[in-house]
Structures are given as structure tokens and as C-alpha cells.
C-alpha atoms as a PDB file:
ATOM      1  CA  MET A   1     159.856  98.208 115.332  1.00  0.00           C
ATOM      2  CA  PRO A   2     161.476  95.946 117.947  1.00  0.00           C
ATOM      3  CA  ILE A   3     161.872  97.875 121.187  1.00  0.00           C
ATOM      4  CA  SER A   4     165.456  96.661 121.521  1.00  0.00           C
ATOM      5  CA  GLU A   5     166.334  98.787 118.464  1.00  0.00           C
ATOM      6  CA  LEU A   6     165.487 101.905 120.484  1.00  0.00           C
ATOM      7  CA  ALA A   7     168.382 101.143 122.854  1.00  0.00           C
ATOM      8  CA  THR A   8     171.052 102.244 120.363  1.00  0.00           C
ATOM      9  CA  ASP A   9     173.460 104.736 121.966  1.00  0.00           C
ATOM     10  CA  LEU A  10     171.334 105.030 125.109  1.00  0.00           C
ATOM     11  CA  ILE A  11     172.975 105.820 128.431  1.00  0.00           C
ATOM     12  CA  LEU A  12     171.134 103.843 131.110  1.00  0.00           C
ATOM     13  CA  PRO A  13     171.215 105.663 134.458  1.00  0.00           C
ATOM     14  CA  ALA A  14     170.623 103.348 137.395  1.00  0.00           C
ATOM     15  CA  PRO A  15     169.095 102.342 139.671  1.00  0.00           C
ATOM     16  CA  VAL A  16     165.550 102.680 138.406  1.00  0.00           C
ATOM     17  CA  LEU A  17     162.567 102.816 140.744  1.00  0.00           C
ATOM     18  CA  ILE A  18     159.175 101.650 139.445  1.00  0.00           C
ATOM     19  CA  VAL A  19     156.308 102.780 141.683  1.00  0.00           C
ATOM     20  CA  GLU A  20     153.141 100.974 140.611  1.00  0.00           C
ATOM     21  CA  ASP A  21     150.584  98.994 142.620  1.00  0.00           C
ATOM     22  CA  ASP A  22     149.228  97.043 139.639  1.00  0.00           C
ATOM     23  CA  MET A  23     151.487  94.002 139.276  1.00  0.00           C
ATOM     24  CA  ALA A  24     150.681  93.534 135.584  1.00  0.00           C
ATOM     25  CA  VAL A  25     151.663  97.134 134.830  1.00  0.00           C
ATOM     26  CA  SER A  26     154.850  96.989 136.897  1.00  0.00           C
ATOM     27  CA  GLN A  27     155.883  93.778 135.125  1.00  0.00           C
ATOM     28  CA  ARG A  28     155.159  95.423 131.781  1.00  0.00           C
ATOM     29  CA  LEU A  29     157.379  98.393 132.662  1.00  0.00           C
ATOM     30  CA  GLU A  30     160.097  96.111 133.972  1.00  0.00           C
ATOM     31  CA  ASN A  31     160.044  94.175 130.707  1.00  0.00           C
ATOM     32  CA  LEU A  32     160.290  97.365 128.650  1.00  0.00           C
ATOM     33  CA  LEU A  33     163.314  98.506 130.646  1.00  0.00           C
ATOM     34  CA  LEU A  34     164.959  95.131 130.165  1.00  0.00           C
ATOM     35  CA  GLN A  35     164.386  95.408 126.412  1.00  0.00           C
ATOM     36  CA  LEU A  36     166.030  98.827 126.467  1.00  0.00           C
ATOM     37  CA  GLY A  37     169.150  97.260 127.945  1.00  0.00           C
ATOM     38  CA  TYR A  38     168.733  97.438 131.711  1.00  0.00           C
ATOM     39  CA  HIS A  39     169.786  94.513 133.911  1.00  0.00           C
ATOM     40  CA  ALA A  40     167.256  93.132 136.371  1.00  0.00           C
ATOM     41  CA  ASP A  41     169.425  93.994 139.377  1.00  0.00           C
ATOM     42  CA  ALA A  42     169.230  97.692 138.427  1.00  0.00           C
ATOM     43  CA  LEU A  43     165.437  97.744 138.777  1.00  0.00           C
ATOM     44  CA  MET A  44     163.499  98.240 141.998  1.00  0.00           C
ATOM     45  CA  ILE A  45     159.731  97.869 142.249  1.00  0.00           C
ATOM     46  CA  ALA A  46     157.547  99.466 144.921  1.00  0.00           C
ATOM     47  CA  ASN A  47     153.765  99.181 145.134  1.00  0.00           C
ATOM     48  CA  SER A  48     153.205 102.085 147.538  1.00  0.00           C
ATOM     49  CA  ILE A  49     154.661 105.403 148.640  1.00  0.00           C
ATOM     50  CA  ALA A  50     155.873 103.845 151.888  1.00  0.00           C
ATOM     51  CA  GLU A  51     157.751 101.095 150.073  1.00  0.00           C
ATOM     52  CA  ALA A  52     159.229 103.596 147.632  1.00  0.00           C
ATOM     53  CA  GLN A  53     160.497 105.712 150.522  1.00  0.00           C
ATOM     54  CA  GLN A  54     162.230 102.658 151.980  1.00  0.00           C
ATOM     55  CA  TYR A  55     164.164 102.286 148.733  1.00  0.00           C
ATOM     56  CA  LEU A  56     164.919 106.006 148.656  1.00  0.00           C
ATOM     57  CA  ALA A  57     166.361 105.849 152.175  1.00  0.00           C
ATOM     58  CA  ASP A  58     169.088 103.485 150.948  1.00  0.00           C
ATOM     59  CA  GLN A  59     169.509 104.360 147.265  1.00  0.00           C
ATOM     60  CA  VAL A  60     170.154 107.459 145.150  1.00  0.00           C
ATOM     61  CA  VAL A  61     167.695 106.777 142.348  1.00  0.00           C
ATOM     62  CA  ALA A  62     168.608 107.933 138.846  1.00  0.00           C
ATOM     63  CA  LEU A  63     165.287 107.276 137.118  1.00  0.00           C
ATOM     64  CA  ALA A  64     161.765 106.757 138.460  1.00  0.00           C
ATOM     65  CA  LEU A  65     158.565 105.610 136.780  1.00  0.00           C
ATOM     66  CA  VAL A  66     155.668 106.690 138.938  1.00  0.00           C
ATOM     67  CA  ASP A  67     151.919 106.095 138.944  1.00  0.00           C
ATOM     68  CA  LEU A  68     149.748 108.787 140.521  1.00  0.00           C
ATOM     69  CA  GLY A  69     146.996 106.641 142.046  1.00  0.00           C
ATOM     70  CA  LEU A  70     148.755 104.691 144.802  1.00  0.00           C
ATOM     71  CA  PRO A  71     147.128 102.844 147.712  1.00  0.00           C
ATOM     72  CA  ASP A  72     148.609 105.071 150.422  1.00  0.00           C
ATOM     73  CA  GLY A  73     148.450 108.459 148.711  1.00  0.00           C
ATOM     74  CA  SER A  74     149.155 110.451 145.582  1.00  0.00           C
ATOM     75  CA  GLY A  75     152.197 109.813 143.455  1.00  0.00           C
ATOM     76  CA  ILE A  76     152.491 113.598 143.166  1.00  0.00           C
ATOM     77  CA  ASP A  77     153.585 113.742 146.809  1.00  0.00           C
ATOM     78  CA  LEU A  78     156.218 111.099 146.133  1.00  0.00           C
ATOM     79  CA  ILE A  79     157.429 112.999 143.060  1.00  0.00           C
ATOM     80  CA  ARG A  80     157.842 116.118 145.184  1.00  0.00           C
ATOM     81  CA  ILE A  81     159.825 114.183 147.812  1.00  0.00           C
ATOM     82  CA  MET A  82     162.113 112.599 145.216  1.00  0.00           C
ATOM     83  CA  HIS A  83     162.689 115.893 143.429  1.00  0.00           C
ATOM     84  CA  GLU A  84     163.622 117.597 146.694  1.00  0.00           C
ATOM     85  CA  GLN A  85     165.939 114.785 147.774  1.00  0.00           C
ATOM     86  CA  ILE A  86     167.487 114.101 144.348  1.00  0.00           C
ATOM     87  CA  PRO A  87     167.056 117.157 142.070  1.00  0.00           C
ATOM     88  CA  SER A  88     168.796 115.368 139.192  1.00  0.00           C
ATOM     89  CA  VAL A  89     166.414 112.387 139.142  1.00  0.00           C
ATOM     90  CA  ALA A  90     164.425 111.909 135.928  1.00  0.00           C
ATOM     91  CA  ILE A  91     160.794 111.127 136.738  1.00  0.00           C
ATOM     92  CA  LEU A  92     158.356 109.779 134.163  1.00  0.00           C
ATOM     93  CA  VAL A  93     154.718 109.635 135.214  1.00  0.00           C
ATOM     94  CA  ILE A  94     152.899 106.631 133.736  1.00  0.00           C
ATOM     95  CA  SER A  95     149.292 107.016 134.774  1.00  0.00           C
ATOM     96  CA  ALA A  96     145.676 106.581 133.742  1.00  0.00           C
ATOM     97  CA  TRP A  97     144.905 110.084 135.022  1.00  0.00           C
ATOM     98  CA  SER A  98     144.578 112.469 132.098  1.00  0.00           C
ATOM     99  CA  THR A  99     143.233 115.722 133.549  1.00  0.00           C
ATOM    100  CA  GLN A 100     145.066 118.985 133.067  1.00  0.00           C
ATOM    101  CA  GLU A 101     145.129 119.411 136.852  1.00  0.00           C
ATOM    102  CA  ALA A 102     146.932 116.092 137.362  1.00  0.00           C
ATOM    103  CA  ILE A 103     149.447 116.821 134.600  1.00  0.00           C
ATOM    104  CA  PHE A 104     150.318 120.297 135.830  1.00  0.00           C
ATOM    105  CA  ALA A 105     150.478 119.167 139.465  1.00  0.00           C
ATOM    106  CA  ALA A 106     152.900 116.370 138.563  1.00  0.00           C
ATOM    107  CA  LEU A 107     155.090 118.665 136.475  1.00  0.00           C
ATOM    108  CA  ARG A 108     155.121 121.334 139.168  1.00  0.00           C
ATOM    109  CA  ALA A 109     156.130 118.689 141.717  1.00  0.00           C
ATOM    110  CA  GLY A 110     159.154 117.759 139.606  1.00  0.00           C
ATOM    111  CA  ALA A 111     158.063 115.208 137.005  1.00  0.00           C
ATOM    112  CA  THR A 112     160.095 115.240 133.800  1.00  0.00           C
ATOM    113  CA  GLY A 113     157.491 113.653 131.527  1.00  0.00           C
ATOM    114  CA  TYR A 114     153.983 112.225 131.441  1.00  0.00           C
ATOM    115  CA  VAL A 115     152.545 109.327 129.436  1.00  0.00           C
ATOM    116  CA  LEU A 116     149.236 107.486 129.661  1.00  0.00           C
ATOM    117  CA  LYS A 117     149.081 103.821 130.642  1.00  0.00           C
ATOM    118  CA  GLU A 118     146.783 103.111 127.728  1.00  0.00           C
ATOM    119  CA  ARG A 119     149.633 103.618 125.259  1.00  0.00           C
ATOM    120  CA  ASP A 120     151.064 100.503 123.655  1.00  0.00           C
ATOM    121  CA  ASP A 121     154.517  99.173 124.535  1.00  0.00           C
ATOM    122  CA  LEU A 122     156.259 100.967 121.667  1.00  0.00           C
ATOM    123  CA  GLU A 123     154.792 104.346 122.621  1.00  0.00           C
ATOM    124  CA  VAL A 124     155.778 103.925 126.268  1.00  0.00           C
ATOM    125  CA  ALA A 125     159.227 102.738 125.190  1.00  0.00           C
ATOM    126  CA  LEU A 126     159.599 105.857 123.008  1.00  0.00           C
ATOM    127  CA  ALA A 127     158.736 108.022 126.015  1.00  0.00           C
ATOM    128  CA  LEU A 128     161.346 106.158 128.065  1.00  0.00           C
ATOM    129  CA  ARG A 129     163.911 106.599 125.303  1.00  0.00           C
ATOM    130  CA  SER A 130     163.136 110.311 125.168  1.00  0.00           C
ATOM    131  CA  ILE A 131     163.581 110.782 128.895  1.00  0.00           C
ATOM    132  CA  LEU A 132     166.825 108.776 128.858  1.00  0.00           C
ATOM    133  CA  ARG A 133     168.100 111.159 126.180  1.00  0.00           C
ATOM    134  CA  GLY A 134     167.295 114.179 128.310  1.00  0.00           C
ATOM    135  CA  GLY A 135     163.875 114.896 126.829  1.00  0.00           C
ATOM    136  CA  ALA A 136     160.604 115.751 128.529  1.00  0.00           C
ATOM    137  CA  PRO A 137     157.968 113.593 126.798  1.00  0.00           C
ATOM    138  CA  ILE A 138     154.299 114.499 127.141  1.00  0.00           C
ATOM    139  CA  ASP A 139     151.627 112.113 125.882  1.00  0.00           C
ATOM    140  CA  PRO A 140     150.376 113.440 122.491  1.00  0.00           C
ATOM    141  CA  LEU A 141     146.719 113.286 123.583  1.00  0.00           C
ATOM    142  CA  LEU A 142     147.496 115.320 126.689  1.00  0.00           C
ATOM    143  CA  ALA A 143     149.613 117.785 124.738  1.00  0.00           C
ATOM    144  CA  ARG A 144     146.779 118.403 122.255  1.00  0.00           C
ATOM    145  CA  ARG A 145     144.320 118.851 125.122  1.00  0.00           C
ATOM    146  CA  ILE A 146     146.578 121.341 126.869  1.00  0.00           C
ATOM    147  CA  ILE A 147     147.122 123.298 123.640  1.00  0.00           C
ATOM    148  CA  SER A 148     143.368 123.327 123.010  1.00  0.00           C
ATOM    149  CA  GLU A 149     142.640 124.607 126.500  1.00  0.00           C
ATOM    150  CA  PHE A 150     145.332 127.273 126.234  1.00  0.00           C
ATOM    151  CA  SER A 151     143.864 128.385 122.891  1.00  0.00           C
ATOM    152  CA  SER A 152     140.424 128.605 124.488  1.00  0.00           C
ATOM    153  CA  GLN A 153     141.828 130.620 127.380  1.00  0.00           C
ATOM    154  CA  ASN A 154     143.597 132.953 124.959  1.00  0.00           C
ATOM    155  CA  GLU A 155     140.350 133.523 123.072  1.00  0.00           C
ATOM    156  CA  GLN A 156     138.575 134.280 126.346  1.00  0.00           C
ATOM    157  CA  ASN A 157     141.373 136.632 127.378  1.00  0.00           C
ATOM    158  CA  THR A 158     141.210 138.384 124.003  1.00  0.00           C
ATOM    159  CA  ALA A 159     137.457 138.792 124.338  1.00  0.00           C
ATOM    160  CA  GLY A 160     137.917 140.099 127.851  1.00  0.00           C
ATOM    161  CA  GLU A 161     140.550 142.560 126.684  1.00  0.00           C
ATOM    162  CA  GLN A 162     138.237 143.752 123.934  1.00  0.00           C
ATOM    163  CA  GLU A 163     135.420 144.254 126.440  1.00  0.00           C
ATOM    164  CA  ALA A 164     137.760 146.085 128.796  1.00  0.00           C
ATOM    165  CA  GLU A 165     138.911 148.289 125.926  1.00  0.00           C
ATOM    166  CA  ALA A 166     135.291 148.944 124.986  1.00  0.00           C
ATOM    167  CA  GLU A 167     134.586 150.128 128.491  1.00  0.00           C
ATOM    168  CA  LYS A 168     137.291 152.756 127.998  1.00  0.00           C
ATOM    169  CA  LEU A 169     135.247 154.686 125.450  1.00  0.00           C
ATOM    170  CA  SER A 170     135.521 158.369 126.249  1.00  0.00           C
ATOM    171  CA  PRO A 171     132.387 160.383 127.083  1.00  0.00           C
ATOM    172  CA  ARG A 172     132.566 162.002 123.636  1.00  0.00           C
ATOM    173  CA  GLU A 173     132.901 158.572 121.974  1.00  0.00           C
ATOM    174  CA  HIS A 174     129.877 157.327 123.902  1.00  0.00           C
ATOM    175  CA  GLN A 175     127.959 160.402 122.769  1.00  0.00           C
ATOM    176  CA  ILE A 176     128.904 159.887 119.125  1.00  0.00           C
ATOM    177  CA  LEU A 177     128.160 156.158 119.332  1.00  0.00           C
ATOM    178  CA  ARG A 178     124.651 156.916 120.562  1.00  0.00           C
ATOM    179  CA  LEU A 179     124.108 159.297 117.644  1.00  0.00           C
ATOM    180  CA  VAL A 180     125.420 156.656 115.233  1.00  0.00           C
ATOM    181  CA  ALA A 181     122.897 154.238 116.740  1.00  0.00           C
ATOM    182  CA  GLU A 182     120.166 156.757 116.022  1.00  0.00           C
ATOM    183  CA  GLY A 183     121.129 156.604 112.342  1.00  0.00           C
ATOM    184  CA  MET A 184     122.791 159.989 112.066  1.00  0.00           C
ATOM    185  CA  ALA A 185     125.426 160.563 109.391  1.00  0.00           C
ATOM    186  CA  ASN A 186     128.854 161.985 110.239  1.00  0.00           C
ATOM    187  CA  ARG A 187     127.945 165.435 108.839  1.00  0.00           C
ATOM    188  CA  ASP A 188     124.777 165.581 110.958  1.00  0.00           C
ATOM    189  CA  ILE A 189     126.697 164.488 114.061  1.00  0.00           C
ATOM    190  CA  ALA A 190     129.295 167.204 113.412  1.00  0.00           C
ATOM    191  CA  GLU A 191     126.622 169.875 113.104  1.00  0.00           C
ATOM    192  CA  LYS A 192     124.769 168.680 116.208  1.00  0.00           C
ATOM    193  CA  LEU A 193     127.912 168.669 118.350  1.00  0.00           C
ATOM    194  CA  SER A 194     129.442 171.768 116.747  1.00  0.00           C
ATOM    195  CA  ILE A 195     132.632 169.943 115.804  1.00  0.00           C
ATOM    196  CA  SER A 196     134.265 169.230 112.467  1.00  0.00           C
ATOM    197  CA  ARG A 197     133.375 166.240 110.344  1.00  0.00           C
ATOM    198  CA  TYR A 198     137.043 165.202 110.484  1.00  0.00           C
ATOM    199  CA  THR A 199     136.855 165.079 114.297  1.00  0.00           C
ATOM    200  CA  VAL A 200     133.754 162.907 114.120  1.00  0.00           C
ATOM    201  CA  GLU A 201     135.492 160.518 111.743  1.00  0.00           C
ATOM    202  CA  CYS A 202     138.493 160.262 114.099  1.00  0.00           C
ATOM    203  CA  HIS A 203     136.203 159.445 117.025  1.00  0.00           C
ATOM    204  CA  ILE A 204     134.397 156.789 114.999  1.00  0.00           C
ATOM    205  CA  LYS A 205     137.700 155.174 114.003  1.00  0.00           C
ATOM    206  CA  ASN A 206     138.633 155.015 117.688  1.00  0.00           C
ATOM    207  CA  ILE A 207     135.264 153.448 118.473  1.00  0.00           C
ATOM    208  CA  TYR A 208     135.815 150.804 115.789  1.00  0.00           C
ATOM    209  CA  ARG A 209     139.252 149.996 117.206  1.00  0.00           C
ATOM    210  CA  LYS A 210     138.064 149.724 120.783  1.00  0.00           C
ATOM    211  CA  LEU A 211     135.094 147.562 119.858  1.00  0.00           C
ATOM    212  CA  ALA A 212     137.170 145.504 117.378  1.00  0.00           C
ATOM    213  CA  VAL A 213     134.671 146.096 114.562  1.00  0.00           C
ATOM    214  CA  SER A 214     134.845 147.531 111.062  1.00  0.00           C
ATOM    215  CA  SER A 215     131.419 149.059 110.383  1.00  0.00           C
ATOM    216  CA  ARG A 216     128.797 151.296 111.948  1.00  0.00           C
ATOM    217  CA  THR A 217     126.268 148.476 112.145  1.00  0.00           C
ATOM    218  CA  ARG A 218     128.699 146.160 113.905  1.00  0.00           C
ATOM    219  CA  ALA A 219     129.746 148.936 116.252  1.00  0.00           C
ATOM    220  CA  VAL A 220     126.140 149.502 117.305  1.00  0.00           C
ATOM    221  CA  ASN A 221     125.343 145.785 117.631  1.00  0.00           C
ATOM    222  CA  THR A 222     128.513 145.069 119.614  1.00  0.00           C
ATOM    223  CA  ALA A 223     127.914 148.025 121.901  1.00  0.00           C
ATOM    224  CA  ARG A 224     124.375 146.845 122.610  1.00  0.00           C
ATOM    225  CA  GLN A 225     125.568 143.289 123.333  1.00  0.00           C
ATOM    226  CA  ARG A 226     128.040 144.674 125.854  1.00  0.00           C
ATOM    227  CA  GLY A 227     125.546 146.961 127.498  1.00  0.00           C
ATOM    228  CA  LEU A 228     127.181 150.156 126.274  1.00  0.00           C
ATOM    229  CA  LEU A 229     123.926 151.302 124.638  1.00  0.00           C
ATOM    230  CA  ALA A 230     120.519 151.161 126.238  1.00  0.00           C
END
């Protein structure tokens, strides 16, 4: 698809500030913006934070394309400055950095979207189109990574919650669990503790729920893994 076709019905806020110290990359971004319909006189190019701040002192920027690894500091600091000075500015990070820490730091600082430099021209142009339409594009690879890490964290949290719940076994439940581990049947446990068989069954159901298991064997094995049984 020709990139110029993406410009249909686009509103082109100006001026645009490109902050990139690699000349080849800045020229690439400039060319993409021109293909989307921008005029050259609406584009400003800075190769450092200091140079970008000079532009910001004289211009109210409408859109900024920012790299994170700049020769005089982190683009995240510049993003924070721009967001504080011009809350309405749309800021698209175009960077080689792909760590979750970098992504979250940029977004917290005020970035609107994040795309990797390694993407081809069409993919970067699609991200630009999205941000010009009010979207918040995140590179698909980064989005999948973030989702994967969140899923992993959720699994860890679930496991932690299960362990915390297991630690809440009542003294009677601990007592019954130990007897279950010794191989005693519910009737024998009831006789030994002088309680009804129904009460024993209720306690065992609670043990299953707290340990997130569905059988006596799993209850005993899980309890041993968590140090609840000697």
C-alpha cells in the first residue's frame, strides 16, 4: 500500500518536532511525514535534547517523534518536559529500546504511543496515522511482551494468593489434614476427634478449597510442598 493512501481524511497538526540523532532515521521520518501530507516547513529536526528545547522555547509543538537514546540524555526526560509544557502534544516514541521499563517510563512521562525503529516504513506510517487520529499505538511486539509479562505476574499472584489462603487453615483443619496424611478415613477421623463424620467432610472441603485441590492425595502433596506438613 502506498503510504500516501494513508493520508485520506487526516488532520495534520503542526508544527512537528523530530528528535533523533541518527541522520538517516530522521530523514526517514521526515520523508514519511511528507508522504502523509505534511509540508517541509512544518517539520523541525533536533538531534539532541538541548536543540529540541531551543525549538520548544519558540514554538508550541503539536506533534513530536522522539527517540529515547539521545547524546545528551534520555528522551524520557524530554517527553516529560514537553508534556508538562504542552499537555495536548501528541508524542510518539520511535526507538530501538524495547524493554518493559523503557516503555512504561515513556508512557508515564507523557508519551502517547511507542513503536520500534526496526519496523518498516508502512508500519511506522500506520503508527503515525493512528496517533494523528487520536489513537495510542503500541508496537505489536511490545504489546505481546507486556501482555505475556502481565499474564505471568497474574499467575504468580494467583499462586501467592493460594499459598496465603493455605496458610489460613484453622487449627482443626491442620489437625484433620495431618490425619488424612496418615491415611485415615473420614469415619476414623470422626471417631478419633469425637466429632461427626459430616463435620469432618465439611473441614475437608474447606481444606480442598484453600489448597485449590480436588482430592485427598493432592491435598497432602500440596500441603507438604508448602511446608504445612512435616
